Amino acid sequence: MQISPSILSADFANLERELGRIANADWAHVDVMDAHFVPNLTLGLPVVEALARVSPIPLDCHLMIEDPERWAPMYAEAGGDSVTFHVEAARDPRQVARDIRAAGARAAMAVKPGTDFAPYEELLPELDMVLVMTVEPGFGGQSFMADQMPKVAQVREAVRRHGGEIWIQVDGGVSAKTIEQCAEAGADVFVAGSAVYGAEDAAAAVNELRALVGEHTH
């Protein structure tokens, strides 16, 4: 059970300090948005390179961008330890996943709330993680979509059938109130933004989330 706080909710003027606040987490979730695939613009390669130099924990880069064929391997080379592309943006998701791995990172595929996972089950051997979005991607602070839990369970069942160690991540509205239902459905990597960075003590918030899912195993 891994906690990956999203720096989308952090103070962008003090990112090195903000990473230090979550040094006890498993990952730092870095939301890359291009104002094309999603209607928001955040940060890109130069910032990821800078974060990789100072982060006390590995970077989990979530690319909400068009043309992942071109860009995703570059985020691995820039220091992303895990790189997630959106299957809706990919012309050849299998090749994107292979290129991310070839560049030295874990390869992950994300699906938006309206995207069915079943057509992509055959890609599991190419993947280290599947991200099931529990909000529409683009902005932090949105309400959790509980109707995505059956999809999490569906992915977990597919992973069981295929074997191998593939993580299942949830991202969007994850908090102390919602994290347990995510774990029960089959998730084991949890992205939390405002639930961590909105807390007085971000490290304590990470510990609380981890404790809530500590007894769940898949």
C-alpha atoms as a PDB file:
ATOM      1  CA  MET A   1       0.000   0.000   0.000  1.00  0.00           C
ATOM      2  CA  GLN A   2       1.711   3.140  -1.246  1.00  0.00           C
ATOM      3  CA  ILE A   3       0.894   6.821  -0.810  1.00  0.00           C
ATOM      4  CA  SER A   4       1.718   9.244  -3.640  1.00  0.00           C
ATOM      5  CA  PRO A   5       0.856  12.847  -2.666  1.00  0.00           C
ATOM      6  CA  SER A   6       0.123  15.128  -5.603  1.00  0.00           C
ATOM      7  CA  ILE A   7       2.230  18.277  -5.704  1.00  0.00           C
ATOM      8  CA  LEU A   8      -0.577  19.880  -7.752  1.00  0.00           C
ATOM      9  CA  SER A   9      -1.862  20.955  -4.326  1.00  0.00           C
ATOM     10  CA  ALA A  10       1.557  22.127  -3.112  1.00  0.00           C
ATOM     11  CA  ASP A  11       3.047  25.638  -3.040  1.00  0.00           C
ATOM     12  CA  PHE A  12       4.611  25.941  -6.503  1.00  0.00           C
ATOM     13  CA  ALA A  13       6.899  28.754  -5.329  1.00  0.00           C
ATOM     14  CA  ASN A  14       8.563  26.407  -2.817  1.00  0.00           C
ATOM     15  CA  LEU A  15       8.578  22.965  -4.395  1.00  0.00           C
ATOM     16  CA  GLU A  16      11.794  21.704  -2.776  1.00  0.00           C
ATOM     17  CA  ARG A  17      10.399  22.511   0.669  1.00  0.00           C
ATOM     18  CA  GLU A  18       7.029  21.009  -0.279  1.00  0.00           C
ATOM     19  CA  LEU A  19       8.716  17.735  -1.306  1.00  0.00           C
ATOM     20  CA  GLY A  20      10.440  17.705   2.069  1.00  0.00           C
ATOM     21  CA  ARG A  21       7.025  17.852   3.766  1.00  0.00           C
ATOM     22  CA  ILE A  22       6.134  14.464   2.208  1.00  0.00           C
ATOM     23  CA  ALA A  23       9.515  12.747   2.575  1.00  0.00           C
ATOM     24  CA  ASN A  24       7.775   9.863   4.392  1.00  0.00           C
ATOM     25  CA  ALA A  25       5.526   9.124   1.386  1.00  0.00           C
ATOM     26  CA  ASP A  26       6.332   6.447  -1.206  1.00  0.00           C
ATOM     27  CA  TRP A  27       6.181   8.717  -4.244  1.00  0.00           C
ATOM     28  CA  ALA A  28       5.707  12.346  -5.228  1.00  0.00           C
ATOM     29  CA  HIS A  29       2.926  12.498  -7.821  1.00  0.00           C
ATOM     30  CA  VAL A  30       3.723  15.085 -10.495  1.00  0.00           C
ATOM     31  CA  ASP A  31       0.792  16.177 -12.684  1.00  0.00           C
ATOM     32  CA  VAL A  32       1.927  17.273 -16.134  1.00  0.00           C
ATOM     33  CA  MET A  33      -0.838  19.011 -18.123  1.00  0.00           C
ATOM     34  CA  ASP A  34      -0.579  20.603 -21.561  1.00  0.00           C
ATOM     35  CA  ALA A  35      -3.822  22.632 -21.894  1.00  0.00           C
ATOM     36  CA  HIS A  36      -4.746  20.404 -24.865  1.00  0.00           C
ATOM     37  CA  PHE A  37      -5.526  16.929 -23.533  1.00  0.00           C
ATOM     38  CA  VAL A  38      -6.909  18.572 -20.393  1.00  0.00           C
ATOM     39  CA  PRO A  39      -8.024  22.206 -19.972  1.00  0.00           C
ATOM     40  CA  ASN A  40      -5.224  23.156 -17.599  1.00  0.00           C
ATOM     41  CA  LEU A  41      -1.511  23.910 -17.832  1.00  0.00           C
ATOM     42  CA  THR A  42       0.887  22.927 -15.039  1.00  0.00           C
ATOM     43  CA  LEU A  43       4.549  22.063 -15.479  1.00  0.00           C
ATOM     44  CA  GLY A  44       6.835  20.262 -17.880  1.00  0.00           C
ATOM     45  CA  LEU A  45      10.232  18.691 -18.457  1.00  0.00           C
ATOM     46  CA  PRO A  46      12.527  21.387 -16.975  1.00  0.00           C
ATOM     47  CA  VAL A  47      10.569  21.382 -13.705  1.00  0.00           C
ATOM     48  CA  VAL A  48      10.606  17.569 -13.520  1.00  0.00           C
ATOM     49  CA  GLU A  49      14.386  17.607 -14.059  1.00  0.00           C
ATOM     50  CA  ALA A  50      14.743  20.129 -11.226  1.00  0.00           C
ATOM     51  CA  LEU A  51      12.456  18.130  -8.921  1.00  0.00           C
ATOM     52  CA  ALA A  52      14.397  14.922  -9.606  1.00  0.00           C
ATOM     53  CA  ARG A  53      17.583  16.601  -8.387  1.00  0.00           C
ATOM     54  CA  VAL A  54      16.113  17.532  -4.993  1.00  0.00           C
ATOM     55  CA  SER A  55      13.298  15.070  -4.271  1.00  0.00           C
ATOM     56  CA  PRO A  56      13.807  12.775  -1.256  1.00  0.00           C
ATOM     57  CA  ILE A  57      11.395  10.247  -2.822  1.00  0.00           C
ATOM     58  CA  PRO A  58      10.862   8.887  -6.353  1.00  0.00           C
ATOM     59  CA  LEU A  59       8.801  10.874  -8.858  1.00  0.00           C
ATOM     60  CA  ASP A  60       5.515   9.470 -10.163  1.00  0.00           C
ATOM     61  CA  CYS A  61       4.865  11.507 -13.334  1.00  0.00           C
ATOM     62  CA  HIS A  62       1.272  11.560 -14.583  1.00  0.00           C
ATOM     63  CA  LEU A  63       1.191  12.872 -18.147  1.00  0.00           C
ATOM     64  CA  MET A  64      -2.186  14.390 -19.021  1.00  0.00           C
ATOM     65  CA  ILE A  65      -0.858  15.415 -22.419  1.00  0.00           C
ATOM     66  CA  GLU A  66      -1.239  14.749 -26.116  1.00  0.00           C
ATOM     67  CA  ASP A  67       1.412  12.868 -28.106  1.00  0.00           C
ATOM     68  CA  PRO A  68       2.780  10.609 -25.334  1.00  0.00           C
ATOM     69  CA  GLU A  69       4.697   8.719 -28.040  1.00  0.00           C
ATOM     70  CA  ARG A  70       6.973  11.716 -28.291  1.00  0.00           C
ATOM     71  CA  TRP A  71       7.013  12.982 -24.717  1.00  0.00           C
ATOM     72  CA  ALA A  72       6.648  10.063 -22.299  1.00  0.00           C
ATOM     73  CA  PRO A  73      10.182   8.604 -22.726  1.00  0.00           C
ATOM     74  CA  MET A  74      11.621  12.083 -22.173  1.00  0.00           C
ATOM     75  CA  TYR A  75       9.978  12.263 -18.745  1.00  0.00           C
ATOM     76  CA  ALA A  76      11.662   8.972 -17.836  1.00  0.00           C
ATOM     77  CA  GLU A  77      14.992  10.387 -19.010  1.00  0.00           C
ATOM     78  CA  ALA A  78      14.337  13.606 -17.049  1.00  0.00           C
ATOM     79  CA  GLY A  79      14.158  11.636 -13.805  1.00  0.00           C
ATOM     80  CA  GLY A  80      10.636  10.274 -13.552  1.00  0.00           C
ATOM     81  CA  ASP A  81      10.809   6.887 -11.796  1.00  0.00           C
ATOM     82  CA  SER A  82       7.285   6.015 -12.922  1.00  0.00           C
ATOM     83  CA  VAL A  83       5.684   7.559 -16.010  1.00  0.00           C
ATOM     84  CA  THR A  84       1.941   7.348 -16.651  1.00  0.00           C
ATOM     85  CA  PHE A  85       0.414   8.120 -20.040  1.00  0.00           C
ATOM     86  CA  HIS A  86      -3.276   8.371 -20.878  1.00  0.00           C
ATOM     87  CA  VAL A  87      -4.464   5.609 -23.176  1.00  0.00           C
ATOM     88  CA  GLU A  88      -6.971   8.048 -24.716  1.00  0.00           C
ATOM     89  CA  ALA A  89      -4.073  10.189 -25.965  1.00  0.00           C
ATOM     90  CA  ALA A  90      -1.908   7.356 -27.315  1.00  0.00           C
ATOM     91  CA  ARG A  91      -1.901   6.181 -30.914  1.00  0.00           C
ATOM     92  CA  ASP A  92       0.172   3.105 -30.000  1.00  0.00           C
ATOM     93  CA  PRO A  93      -0.088   2.493 -26.229  1.00  0.00           C
ATOM     94  CA  ARG A  94       1.986  -0.693 -26.399  1.00  0.00           C
ATOM     95  CA  GLN A  95       4.920   1.174 -27.936  1.00  0.00           C
ATOM     96  CA  VAL A  96       4.617   4.051 -25.446  1.00  0.00           C
ATOM     97  CA  ALA A  97       4.810   1.596 -22.543  1.00  0.00           C
ATOM     98  CA  ARG A  98       7.820  -0.160 -24.056  1.00  0.00           C
ATOM     99  CA  ASP A  99       9.605   3.134 -24.688  1.00  0.00           C
ATOM    100  CA  ILE A 100       9.038   4.270 -21.083  1.00  0.00           C
ATOM    101  CA  ARG A 101      10.523   1.030 -19.782  1.00  0.00           C
ATOM    102  CA  ALA A 102      13.415   1.258 -22.238  1.00  0.00           C
ATOM    103  CA  ALA A 103      14.158   4.722 -20.843  1.00  0.00           C
ATOM    104  CA  GLY A 104      14.463   3.224 -17.352  1.00  0.00           C
ATOM    105  CA  ALA A 105      11.131   4.005 -15.671  1.00  0.00           C
ATOM    106  CA  ARG A 106       8.087   2.020 -14.614  1.00  0.00           C
ATOM    107  CA  ALA A 107       5.390   2.222 -17.303  1.00  0.00           C
ATOM    108  CA  ALA A 108       1.821   3.038 -16.335  1.00  0.00           C
ATOM    109  CA  MET A 109      -1.408   3.549 -18.279  1.00  0.00           C
ATOM    110  CA  ALA A 110      -4.223   5.834 -17.106  1.00  0.00           C
ATOM    111  CA  VAL A 111      -7.917   5.609 -17.980  1.00  0.00           C
ATOM    112  CA  LYS A 112     -10.360   8.497 -17.576  1.00  0.00           C
ATOM    113  CA  PRO A 113     -13.696   7.908 -15.800  1.00  0.00           C
ATOM    114  CA  GLY A 114     -15.558   7.500 -19.102  1.00  0.00           C
ATOM    115  CA  THR A 115     -13.020   5.069 -20.592  1.00  0.00           C
ATOM    116  CA  ASP A 116     -13.698   1.327 -20.480  1.00  0.00           C
ATOM    117  CA  PHE A 117     -10.694  -0.727 -19.353  1.00  0.00           C
ATOM    118  CA  ALA A 118     -11.642  -4.005 -21.098  1.00  0.00           C
ATOM    119  CA  PRO A 119     -10.280  -3.137 -24.575  1.00  0.00           C
ATOM    120  CA  TYR A 120      -6.853  -2.490 -23.041  1.00  0.00           C
ATOM    121  CA  GLU A 121      -6.543  -5.572 -20.857  1.00  0.00           C
ATOM    122  CA  GLU A 122      -4.188  -7.152 -23.402  1.00  0.00           C
ATOM    123  CA  LEU A 123      -1.650  -4.387 -22.632  1.00  0.00           C
ATOM    124  CA  LEU A 124      -1.110  -5.598 -19.046  1.00  0.00           C
ATOM    125  CA  PRO A 125       2.148  -7.485 -19.828  1.00  0.00           C
ATOM    126  CA  GLU A 126       3.649  -4.160 -20.992  1.00  0.00           C
ATOM    127  CA  LEU A 127       2.612  -2.281 -17.828  1.00  0.00           C
ATOM    128  CA  ASP A 128       3.832  -1.872 -14.259  1.00  0.00           C
ATOM    129  CA  MET A 129       0.750   0.047 -13.121  1.00  0.00           C
ATOM    130  CA  VAL A 130      -2.776   0.982 -14.186  1.00  0.00           C
ATOM    131  CA  LEU A 131      -4.203   4.318 -13.012  1.00  0.00           C
ATOM    132  CA  VAL A 132      -7.979   4.489 -12.645  1.00  0.00           C
ATOM    133  CA  MET A 133      -8.979   8.164 -12.487  1.00  0.00           C
ATOM    134  CA  THR A 134     -11.566   8.870  -9.786  1.00  0.00           C
ATOM    135  CA  VAL A 135     -12.199  12.415 -11.098  1.00  0.00           C
ATOM    136  CA  GLU A 136     -12.098  13.932 -14.598  1.00  0.00           C
ATOM    137  CA  PRO A 137      -8.411  14.810 -15.091  1.00  0.00           C
ATOM    138  CA  GLY A 138      -7.428  18.446 -15.270  1.00  0.00           C
ATOM    139  CA  PHE A 139      -7.889  20.078 -11.879  1.00  0.00           C
ATOM    140  CA  GLY A 140      -7.167  19.273  -8.226  1.00  0.00           C
ATOM    141  CA  GLY A 141      -9.692  19.452  -5.408  1.00  0.00           C
ATOM    142  CA  GLN A 142     -12.545  17.670  -7.215  1.00  0.00           C
ATOM    143  CA  SER A 143     -15.097  15.336  -5.620  1.00  0.00           C
ATOM    144  CA  PHE A 144     -14.335  11.604  -5.536  1.00  0.00           C
ATOM    145  CA  MET A 145     -16.291   9.446  -8.025  1.00  0.00           C
ATOM    146  CA  ALA A 146     -17.320   6.316  -6.129  1.00  0.00           C
ATOM    147  CA  ASP A 147     -18.832   4.924  -9.339  1.00  0.00           C
ATOM    148  CA  GLN A 148     -15.278   4.147 -10.502  1.00  0.00           C
ATOM    149  CA  MET A 149     -14.810   1.451  -7.830  1.00  0.00           C
ATOM    150  CA  PRO A 150     -16.216  -1.351 -10.029  1.00  0.00           C
ATOM    151  CA  LYS A 151     -13.577  -0.436 -12.624  1.00  0.00           C
ATOM    152  CA  VAL A 152     -10.848  -0.701  -9.975  1.00  0.00           C
ATOM    153  CA  ALA A 153     -12.187  -4.170  -9.093  1.00  0.00           C
ATOM    154  CA  GLN A 154     -12.289  -5.088 -12.795  1.00  0.00           C
ATOM    155  CA  VAL A 155      -8.629  -4.114 -13.227  1.00  0.00           C
ATOM    156  CA  ARG A 156      -7.669  -6.039 -10.077  1.00  0.00           C
ATOM    157  CA  GLU A 157      -9.420  -9.155 -11.449  1.00  0.00           C
ATOM    158  CA  ALA A 158      -7.653  -8.757 -14.807  1.00  0.00           C
ATOM    159  CA  VAL A 159      -4.285  -8.439 -13.035  1.00  0.00           C
ATOM    160  CA  ARG A 160      -5.041 -11.649 -11.110  1.00  0.00           C
ATOM    161  CA  ARG A 161      -5.818 -13.474 -14.349  1.00  0.00           C
ATOM    162  CA  HIS A 162      -2.660 -12.252 -16.057  1.00  0.00           C
ATOM    163  CA  GLY A 163      -0.310 -12.683 -13.115  1.00  0.00           C
ATOM    164  CA  GLY A 164       2.732 -10.524 -12.517  1.00  0.00           C
ATOM    165  CA  GLU A 165       3.024  -7.633 -10.112  1.00  0.00           C
ATOM    166  CA  ILE A 166       1.031  -4.747 -11.558  1.00  0.00           C
ATOM    167  CA  TRP A 167       0.026  -1.944  -9.222  1.00  0.00           C
ATOM    168  CA  ILE A 168      -3.377  -0.283  -9.362  1.00  0.00           C
ATOM    169  CA  GLN A 169      -3.437   3.427  -8.651  1.00  0.00           C
ATOM    170  CA  VAL A 170      -6.379   5.716  -7.914  1.00  0.00           C
ATOM    171  CA  ASP A 171      -6.188   9.477  -8.362  1.00  0.00           C
ATOM    172  CA  GLY A 172      -8.815  12.097  -7.589  1.00  0.00           C
ATOM    173  CA  GLY A 173     -10.650  13.012  -4.416  1.00  0.00           C
ATOM    174  CA  VAL A 174      -8.729  10.427  -2.380  1.00  0.00           C
ATOM    175  CA  SER A 175      -8.873  11.307   1.326  1.00  0.00           C
ATOM    176  CA  ALA A 176      -9.284   9.741   4.755  1.00  0.00           C
ATOM    177  CA  LYS A 177     -13.004   9.461   3.923  1.00  0.00           C
ATOM    178  CA  THR A 178     -12.578   7.647   0.589  1.00  0.00           C
ATOM    179  CA  ILE A 179      -9.281   5.764   0.708  1.00  0.00           C
ATOM    180  CA  GLU A 180     -10.617   2.607   2.349  1.00  0.00           C
ATOM    181  CA  GLN A 181     -13.231   1.972  -0.333  1.00  0.00           C
ATOM    182  CA  CYS A 182     -10.440   2.333  -2.920  1.00  0.00           C
ATOM    183  CA  ALA A 183      -8.360  -0.275  -1.088  1.00  0.00           C
ATOM    184  CA  GLU A 184     -11.345  -2.608  -0.737  1.00  0.00           C
ATOM    185  CA  ALA A 185     -11.982  -2.359  -4.488  1.00  0.00           C
ATOM    186  CA  GLY A 186      -8.390  -3.407  -5.209  1.00  0.00           C
ATOM    187  CA  ALA A 187      -6.223  -0.288  -5.377  1.00  0.00           C
ATOM    188  CA  ASP A 188      -2.771  -0.308  -3.778  1.00  0.00           C
ATOM    189  CA  VAL A 189      -1.283   3.071  -4.801  1.00  0.00           C
ATOM    190  CA  PHE A 190      -3.168   6.178  -3.682  1.00  0.00           C
ATOM    191  CA  VAL A 191      -2.731   9.702  -5.035  1.00  0.00           C
ATOM    192  CA  ALA A 192      -3.879  12.354  -2.561  1.00  0.00           C
ATOM    193  CA  GLY A 193      -3.463  16.057  -3.185  1.00  0.00           C
ATOM    194  CA  SER A 194      -5.440  18.434  -1.007  1.00  0.00           C
ATOM    195  CA  ALA A 195      -5.918  15.688   1.620  1.00  0.00           C
ATOM    196  CA  VAL A 196      -2.153  15.829   2.248  1.00  0.00           C
ATOM    197  CA  TYR A 197      -1.063  19.345   1.298  1.00  0.00           C
ATOM    198  CA  GLY A 198      -4.175  20.920   2.777  1.00  0.00           C
ATOM    199  CA  ALA A 199      -3.285  19.448   6.176  1.00  0.00           C
ATOM    200  CA  GLU A 200      -1.309  21.390   8.776  1.00  0.00           C
ATOM    201  CA  ASP A 201       1.143  18.480   8.965  1.00  0.00           C
ATOM    202  CA  ALA A 202       1.509  16.813   5.557  1.00  0.00           C
ATOM    203  CA  ALA A 203       3.676  13.963   6.882  1.00  0.00           C
ATOM    204  CA  ALA A 204       1.074  13.138   9.550  1.00  0.00           C
ATOM    205  CA  ALA A 205      -1.619  13.111   6.835  1.00  0.00           C
ATOM    206  CA  VAL A 206       0.472  10.620   4.831  1.00  0.00           C
ATOM    207  CA  ASN A 207       0.807   8.408   7.920  1.00  0.00           C
ATOM    208  CA  GLU A 208      -2.926   8.584   8.579  1.00  0.00           C
ATOM    209  CA  LEU A 209      -3.774   7.535   5.012  1.00  0.00           C
ATOM    210  CA  ARG A 210      -1.262   4.692   5.164  1.00  0.00           C
ATOM    211  CA  ALA A 211      -2.689   3.478   8.480  1.00  0.00           C
ATOM    212  CA  LEU A 212      -6.227   3.458   7.067  1.00  0.00           C
ATOM    213  CA  VAL A 213      -5.246   1.043   4.263  1.00  0.00           C
ATOM    214  CA  GLY A 214      -2.569  -0.839   6.191  1.00  0.00           C
ATOM    215  CA  GLU A 215      -4.728  -3.865   6.932  1.00  0.00           C
ATOM    216  CA  HIS A 216      -5.946  -4.297   3.347  1.00  0.00           C
ATOM    217  CA  THR A 217      -4.007  -6.761   1.192  1.00  0.00           C
ATOM    218  CA  HIS A 218      -4.785  -8.045  -2.290  1.00  0.00           C
END
